[in-house]
C-alpha atoms as a PDB file:
ATOM      1  CA  MET A   1      23.356  36.331 -47.401  1.00  0.00           C
ATOM      2  CA  SER A   2      22.310  38.806 -49.634  1.00  0.00           C
ATOM      3  CA  THR A   3      20.371  42.353 -47.678  1.00  0.00           C
ATOM      4  CA  GLN A   4      17.508  41.486 -49.490  1.00  0.00           C
ATOM      5  CA  THR A   5      17.235  37.884 -47.519  1.00  0.00           C
ATOM      6  CA  ARG A   6      18.878  39.393 -44.238  1.00  0.00           C
ATOM      7  CA  ASN A   7      16.044  42.507 -44.287  1.00  0.00           C
ATOM      8  CA  GLN A   8      13.502  39.284 -45.012  1.00  0.00           C
ATOM      9  CA  ALA A   9      13.639  37.772 -41.476  1.00  0.00           C
ATOM     10  CA  SER A  10      13.568  41.221 -39.759  1.00  0.00           C
ATOM     11  CA  GLU A  11      10.784  42.333 -42.033  1.00  0.00           C
ATOM     12  CA  ILE A  12       8.797  39.161 -40.800  1.00  0.00           C
ATOM     13  CA  ILE A  13       9.447  39.589 -37.178  1.00  0.00           C
ATOM     14  CA  ALA A  14       8.371  43.340 -37.439  1.00  0.00           C
ATOM     15  CA  ALA A  15       5.176  42.396 -37.611  1.00  0.00           C
ATOM     16  CA  TRP A  16       5.207  39.720 -34.580  1.00  0.00           C
ATOM     17  CA  PRO A  17       4.212  39.907 -30.652  1.00  0.00           C
ATOM     18  CA  ASP A  18       6.878  41.502 -28.911  1.00  0.00           C
ATOM     19  CA  ASP A  19       7.749  38.494 -27.067  1.00  0.00           C
ATOM     20  CA  SER A  20       7.830  36.601 -30.260  1.00  0.00           C
ATOM     21  CA  LYS A  21       9.645  39.087 -31.978  1.00  0.00           C
ATOM     22  CA  GLU A  22      12.409  39.569 -28.806  1.00  0.00           C
ATOM     23  CA  ALA A  23      12.687  35.898 -28.773  1.00  0.00           C
ATOM     24  CA  ALA A  24      13.649  35.534 -32.673  1.00  0.00           C
ATOM     25  CA  GLN A  25      15.798  38.359 -32.625  1.00  0.00           C
ATOM     26  CA  LEU A  26      17.960  36.253 -29.950  1.00  0.00           C
ATOM     27  CA  VAL A  27      18.333  33.749 -32.305  1.00  0.00           C
ATOM     28  CA  LEU A  28      19.179  35.788 -35.661  1.00  0.00           C
ATOM     29  CA  ASP A  29      22.055  37.695 -33.664  1.00  0.00           C
ATOM     30  CA  ALA A  30      23.478  34.221 -32.652  1.00  0.00           C
ATOM     31  CA  TYR A  31      23.025  32.595 -35.914  1.00  0.00           C
ATOM     32  CA  GLY A  32      22.432  34.775 -38.756  1.00  0.00           C
ATOM     33  CA  GLU A  33      19.788  34.783 -41.284  1.00  0.00           C
ATOM     34  CA  PRO A  34      17.718  31.229 -40.904  1.00  0.00           C
ATOM     35  CA  GLN A  35      17.711  28.982 -44.209  1.00  0.00           C
ATOM     36  CA  GLU A  36      13.920  28.752 -43.840  1.00  0.00           C
ATOM     37  CA  THR A  37      11.069  31.980 -43.824  1.00  0.00           C
ATOM     38  CA  THR A  38       7.728  32.267 -43.497  1.00  0.00           C
ATOM     39  CA  GLN A  39       5.172  34.668 -42.118  1.00  0.00           C
ATOM     40  CA  GLU A  40       4.713  32.598 -39.147  1.00  0.00           C
ATOM     41  CA  GLN A  41       8.079  30.810 -38.353  1.00  0.00           C
ATOM     42  CA  LEU A  42      12.005  31.246 -39.062  1.00  0.00           C
ATOM     43  CA  VAL A  43      14.010  27.867 -38.848  1.00  0.00           C
ATOM     44  CA  TRP A  44      17.939  27.391 -38.995  1.00  0.00           C
ATOM     45  CA  HIS A  45      19.219  24.154 -39.833  1.00  0.00           C
ATOM     46  CA  GLY A  46      22.866  22.630 -37.994  1.00  0.00           C
ATOM     47  CA  VAL A  47      23.218  25.984 -36.085  1.00  0.00           C
ATOM     48  CA  GLY A  48      25.397  25.531 -32.820  1.00  0.00           C
ATOM     49  CA  PRO A  49      24.959  21.923 -30.942  1.00  0.00           C
ATOM     50  CA  TRP A  50      21.660  22.363 -32.497  1.00  0.00           C
ATOM     51  CA  LYS A  51      19.976  19.880 -35.539  1.00  0.00           C
ATOM     52  CA  ARG A  52      17.456  22.955 -35.731  1.00  0.00           C
ATOM     53  CA  VAL A  53      16.239  26.054 -34.191  1.00  0.00           C
ATOM     54  CA  VAL A  54      12.485  27.253 -35.068  1.00  0.00           C
ATOM     55  CA  ALA A  55      11.176  30.607 -33.655  1.00  0.00           C
ATOM     56  CA  THR A  56       7.813  31.241 -34.109  1.00  0.00           C
ATOM     57  CA  ARG A  57       5.216  33.728 -34.473  1.00  0.00           C
ATOM     58  CA  ALA A  58       2.939  32.153 -31.638  1.00  0.00           C
ATOM     59  CA  ALA A  59       4.511  32.089 -28.283  1.00  0.00           C
ATOM     60  CA  HIS A  60       2.662  29.834 -25.441  1.00  0.00           C
ATOM     61  CA  ARG A  61       2.244  30.625 -22.206  1.00  0.00           C
ATOM     62  CA  HIS A  62       4.083  28.611 -19.631  1.00  0.00           C
ATOM     63  CA  ASP A  63       4.327  28.949 -15.953  1.00  0.00           C
ATOM     64  CA  PHE A  64       7.179  26.565 -15.043  1.00  0.00           C
ATOM     65  CA  PRO A  65       9.274  27.441 -13.059  1.00  0.00           C
ATOM     66  CA  ALA A  66       8.215  31.196 -13.672  1.00  0.00           C
ATOM     67  CA  PRO A  67       5.809  32.693 -16.035  1.00  0.00           C
ATOM     68  CA  HIS A  68       7.039  33.317 -19.538  1.00  0.00           C
ATOM     69  CA  ILE A  69       6.557  32.262 -23.181  1.00  0.00           C
ATOM     70  CA  ASP A  70       7.617  29.350 -25.159  1.00  0.00           C
ATOM     71  CA  ALA A  71       8.379  30.680 -28.807  1.00  0.00           C
ATOM     72  CA  VAL A  72      12.115  28.978 -29.980  1.00  0.00           C
ATOM     73  CA  GLU A  73      12.090  25.463 -30.092  1.00  0.00           C
ATOM     74  CA  SER A  74      16.007  23.615 -30.141  1.00  0.00           C
ATOM     75  CA  VAL A  75      15.758  20.392 -31.458  1.00  0.00           C
ATOM     76  CA  ILE A  76      18.765  17.109 -31.233  1.00  0.00           C
ATOM     77  CA  ASP A  77      18.470  13.926 -32.098  1.00  0.00           C
ATOM     78  CA  TYR A  78      18.158  11.502 -29.391  1.00  0.00           C
ATOM     79  CA  ARG A  79      16.446   8.408 -28.521  1.00  0.00           C
ATOM     80  CA  VAL A  80      14.222   8.242 -25.860  1.00  0.00           C
ATOM     81  CA  PRO A  81      13.241   5.066 -24.527  1.00  0.00           C
ATOM     82  CA  PRO A  82       9.304   4.789 -24.250  1.00  0.00           C
ATOM     83  CA  GLY A  83       9.572   4.093 -20.539  1.00  0.00           C
ATOM     84  CA  LYS A  84      10.925   7.765 -20.094  1.00  0.00           C
ATOM     85  CA  VAL A  85       8.840   9.544 -21.927  1.00  0.00           C
ATOM     86  CA  SER A  86       5.743   9.731 -19.093  1.00  0.00           C
ATOM     87  CA  ALA A  87       9.226  10.994 -16.703  1.00  0.00           C
ATOM     88  CA  LEU A  88       9.704  13.809 -19.265  1.00  0.00           C
ATOM     89  CA  ALA A  89       6.175  15.337 -19.374  1.00  0.00           C
ATOM     90  CA  ILE A  90       6.054  15.495 -15.809  1.00  0.00           C
ATOM     91  CA  PHE A  91       9.317  17.042 -15.493  1.00  0.00           C
ATOM     92  CA  ASP A  92       8.846  20.255 -18.521  1.00  0.00           C
ATOM     93  CA  GLY A  93       5.453  20.338 -21.062  1.00  0.00           C
ATOM     94  CA  SER A  94       8.133  22.061 -23.289  1.00  0.00           C
ATOM     95  CA  VAL A  95      10.239  18.862 -23.423  1.00  0.00           C
ATOM     96  CA  VAL A  96       8.468  17.055 -26.735  1.00  0.00           C
ATOM     97  CA  VAL A  97       9.352  13.371 -27.545  1.00  0.00           C
ATOM     98  CA  GLU A  98       9.342  12.876 -31.094  1.00  0.00           C
ATOM     99  CA  ARG A  99       9.907   8.777 -30.881  1.00  0.00           C
ATOM    100  CA  THR A 100       9.256   7.529 -34.515  1.00  0.00           C
ATOM    101  CA  VAL A 101      11.638  10.658 -35.937  1.00  0.00           C
ATOM    102  CA  GLY A 102      14.897  10.376 -33.039  1.00  0.00           C
ATOM    103  CA  GLU A 103      14.223  13.714 -31.765  1.00  0.00           C
ATOM    104  CA  LEU A 104      14.145  15.389 -28.665  1.00  0.00           C
ATOM    105  CA  SER A 105      13.412  19.037 -28.193  1.00  0.00           C
ATOM    106  CA  ALA A 106      13.039  22.160 -25.828  1.00  0.00           C
ATOM    107  CA  ARG A 107      10.547  25.097 -26.192  1.00  0.00           C
ATOM    108  CA  CYS A 108      11.332  28.232 -24.222  1.00  0.00           C
ATOM    109  CA  HIS A 109      11.973  31.635 -24.880  1.00  0.00           C
ATOM    110  CA  ASP A 110      15.811  31.062 -25.598  1.00  0.00           C
ATOM    111  CA  GLU A 111      18.710  28.668 -25.899  1.00  0.00           C
ATOM    112  CA  GLU A 112      20.107  28.878 -22.568  1.00  0.00           C
ATOM    113  CA  ALA A 113      16.906  27.694 -21.544  1.00  0.00           C
ATOM    114  CA  ASN A 114      16.437  25.135 -23.772  1.00  0.00           C
ATOM    115  CA  THR A 115      19.844  23.833 -22.819  1.00  0.00           C
ATOM    116  CA  LEU A 116      18.658  23.462 -19.437  1.00  0.00           C
ATOM    117  CA  ALA A 117      15.644  21.707 -20.102  1.00  0.00           C
ATOM    118  CA  LEU A 118      17.441  19.325 -22.532  1.00  0.00           C
ATOM    119  CA  ASN A 119      20.437  18.800 -19.888  1.00  0.00           C
ATOM    120  CA  LEU A 120      18.168  17.833 -17.459  1.00  0.00           C
ATOM    121  CA  ALA A 121      15.829  15.378 -19.779  1.00  0.00           C
ATOM    122  CA  HIS A 122      18.904  13.602 -20.547  1.00  0.00           C
ATOM    123  CA  ASP A 123      19.617  13.204 -16.786  1.00  0.00           C
ATOM    124  CA  ILE A 124      16.231  11.990 -16.265  1.00  0.00           C
ATOM    125  CA  VAL A 125      16.627   9.444 -19.383  1.00  0.00           C
ATOM    126  CA  THR A 126      20.117   8.026 -17.983  1.00  0.00           C
ATOM    127  CA  GLY A 127      18.464   7.562 -14.719  1.00  0.00           C
ATOM    128  CA  GLU A 128      20.499  10.466 -12.883  1.00  0.00           C
ATOM    129  CA  LYS A 129      17.578  12.525 -11.787  1.00  0.00           C
ATOM    130  CA  THR A 130      14.040  12.262 -11.226  1.00  0.00           C
ATOM    131  CA  ALA A 131      11.577  14.517 -13.009  1.00  0.00           C
ATOM    132  CA  GLU A 132      11.131  15.955  -9.492  1.00  0.00           C
ATOM    133  CA  GLN A 133      14.859  16.143  -9.147  1.00  0.00           C
ATOM    134  CA  ALA A 134      15.273  17.985 -12.563  1.00  0.00           C
ATOM    135  CA  ARG A 135      12.457  20.076 -11.662  1.00  0.00           C
ATOM    136  CA  GLU A 136      13.451  21.510  -8.368  1.00  0.00           C
ATOM    137  CA  TYR A 137      17.600  21.507 -10.250  1.00  0.00           C
ATOM    138  CA  TYR A 138      15.936  23.808 -13.346  1.00  0.00           C
ATOM    139  CA  ALA A 139      14.205  26.221 -10.710  1.00  0.00           C
ATOM    140  CA  LYS A 140      17.514  26.216  -8.550  1.00  0.00           C
ATOM    141  CA  GLU A 141      19.874  27.407 -12.210  1.00  0.00           C
ATOM    142  CA  PHE A 142      17.141  29.763 -13.386  1.00  0.00           C
ATOM    143  CA  LEU A 143      17.163  31.670  -9.746  1.00  0.00           C
ATOM    144  CA  ASP A 144      21.245  31.204 -10.095  1.00  0.00           C
ATOM    145  CA  TYR A 145      21.528  32.790 -13.741  1.00  0.00           C
ATOM    146  CA  ARG A 146      19.694  36.032 -12.073  1.00  0.00           C
ATOM    147  CA  ARG A 147      21.792  35.954  -9.651  1.00  0.00           C
ATOM    148  CA  GLY A 148      25.040  35.657 -11.979  1.00  0.00           C
ATOM    149  CA  LYS A 149      26.091  32.769 -10.056  1.00  0.00           C
ATOM    150  CA  PRO A 150      27.635  29.617 -12.054  1.00  0.00           C
ATOM    151  CA  THR A 151      24.619  27.788 -14.397  1.00  0.00           C
ATOM    152  CA  PRO A 152      26.656  24.661 -16.013  1.00  0.00           C
ATOM    153  CA  TYR A 153      23.555  23.516 -17.720  1.00  0.00           C
ATOM    154  CA  MET A 154      22.828  26.207 -19.457  1.00  0.00           C
ATOM    155  CA  ASP A 155      26.362  27.204 -20.901  1.00  0.00           C
ATOM    156  CA  GLU A 156      26.274  23.929 -23.167  1.00  0.00           C
ATOM    157  CA  LEU A 157      24.783  20.706 -24.074  1.00  0.00           C
ATOM    158  CA  ARG A 158      25.970  18.256 -22.064  1.00  0.00           C
ATOM    159  CA  ILE A 159      24.365  15.444 -24.140  1.00  0.00           C
ATOM    160  CA  PRO A 160      26.932  13.086 -26.019  1.00  0.00           C
ATOM    161  CA  ALA A 161      25.727  13.132 -29.983  1.00  0.00           C
ATOM    162  CA  GLN A 162      23.630  10.455 -31.123  1.00  0.00           C
ATOM    163  CA  THR A 163      23.493   8.912 -34.327  1.00  0.00           C
ATOM    164  CA  ASP A 164      20.503   5.915 -35.676  1.00  0.00           C
ATOM    165  CA  THR A 165      18.232   8.043 -33.217  1.00  0.00           C
ATOM    166  CA  ALA A 166      14.474   6.848 -35.281  1.00  0.00           C
ATOM    167  CA  ASP A 167      12.443   4.489 -33.505  1.00  0.00           C
ATOM    168  CA  PRO A 168      10.069   2.832 -36.783  1.00  0.00           C
ATOM    169  CA  ASP A 169       8.275   0.484 -33.545  1.00  0.00           C
ATOM    170  CA  VAL A 170       7.168  -3.095 -34.001  1.00  0.00           C
ATOM    171  CA  ARG A 171       5.323  -3.965 -36.562  1.00  0.00           C
ATOM    172  CA  LEU A 172       2.214  -5.913 -35.475  1.00  0.00           C
ATOM    173  CA  LEU A 173       0.323  -6.841 -38.791  1.00  0.00           C
ATOM    174  CA  SER A 174       1.664  -9.138 -41.167  1.00  0.00           C
ATOM    175  CA  ASP A 175       1.324  -8.486 -45.226  1.00  0.00           C
ATOM    176  CA  GLU A 176      -0.882 -11.375 -45.026  1.00  0.00           C
ATOM    177  CA  ASP A 177      -3.345  -9.831 -42.488  1.00  0.00           C
ATOM    178  CA  LEU A 178      -3.250  -6.743 -44.791  1.00  0.00           C
ATOM    179  CA  GLU A 179      -4.087  -8.809 -47.220  1.00  0.00           C
ATOM    180  CA  GLN A 180      -6.640 -10.693 -45.692  1.00  0.00           C
ATOM    181  CA  ALA A 181      -8.902  -7.272 -44.646  1.00  0.00           C
ATOM    182  CA  THR A 182      -8.820  -5.933 -48.150  1.00  0.00           C
ATOM    183  CA  GLN A 183     -10.515  -9.064 -49.317  1.00  0.00           C
ATOM    184  CA  ASP A 184     -12.953  -8.914 -46.216  1.00  0.00           C
ATOM    185  CA  GLY A 185     -13.873  -5.198 -47.412  1.00  0.00           C
ATOM    186  CA  ASP A 186     -14.063  -6.344 -50.802  1.00  0.00           C
ATOM    187  CA  ARG A 187     -16.500  -9.031 -50.533  1.00  0.00           C
ATOM    188  CA  GLN A 188     -18.027  -6.471 -47.728  1.00  0.00           C
ATOM    189  CA  SER A 189     -18.850  -3.757 -51.185  1.00  0.00           C
END
């Protein structure tokens, strides 16, 4: 990267609120310059274990497990069965399922917290933990991190890589249904 490009991300985040700037700087320190920049976000593709990492100027207040801001999203390819989406929402509102695209992401202050959330989301999907057990474990590991104790769910992504994760859903309308509706609409005009 050129010096001009290197300065671009730093110049962009200089105008961001302190919490967002700090979160973005952690990603810059870990992965270097992003592949995409706007005044509102920085995007890295294919860094670390992530499909994509997005740092945003907008920071959202999140009180689980303790008050903090969410400004960094870490994305992986992952298929979540539709029946597990509600449990993930109960576990953590900053875990996002993009079913059609086949992505799962977590948004928090840093990569380690996102790793923790996604590892626990995987445990919920595989049935190893309930949403409540995952919430309790998240809080325990969060405190253990501050205590300087081992944090295996924060240390690395423990989810096997997945491919072909998109879920385009099931077609309900046939071509004939669509054609008939178009004809009916034409007749009413």
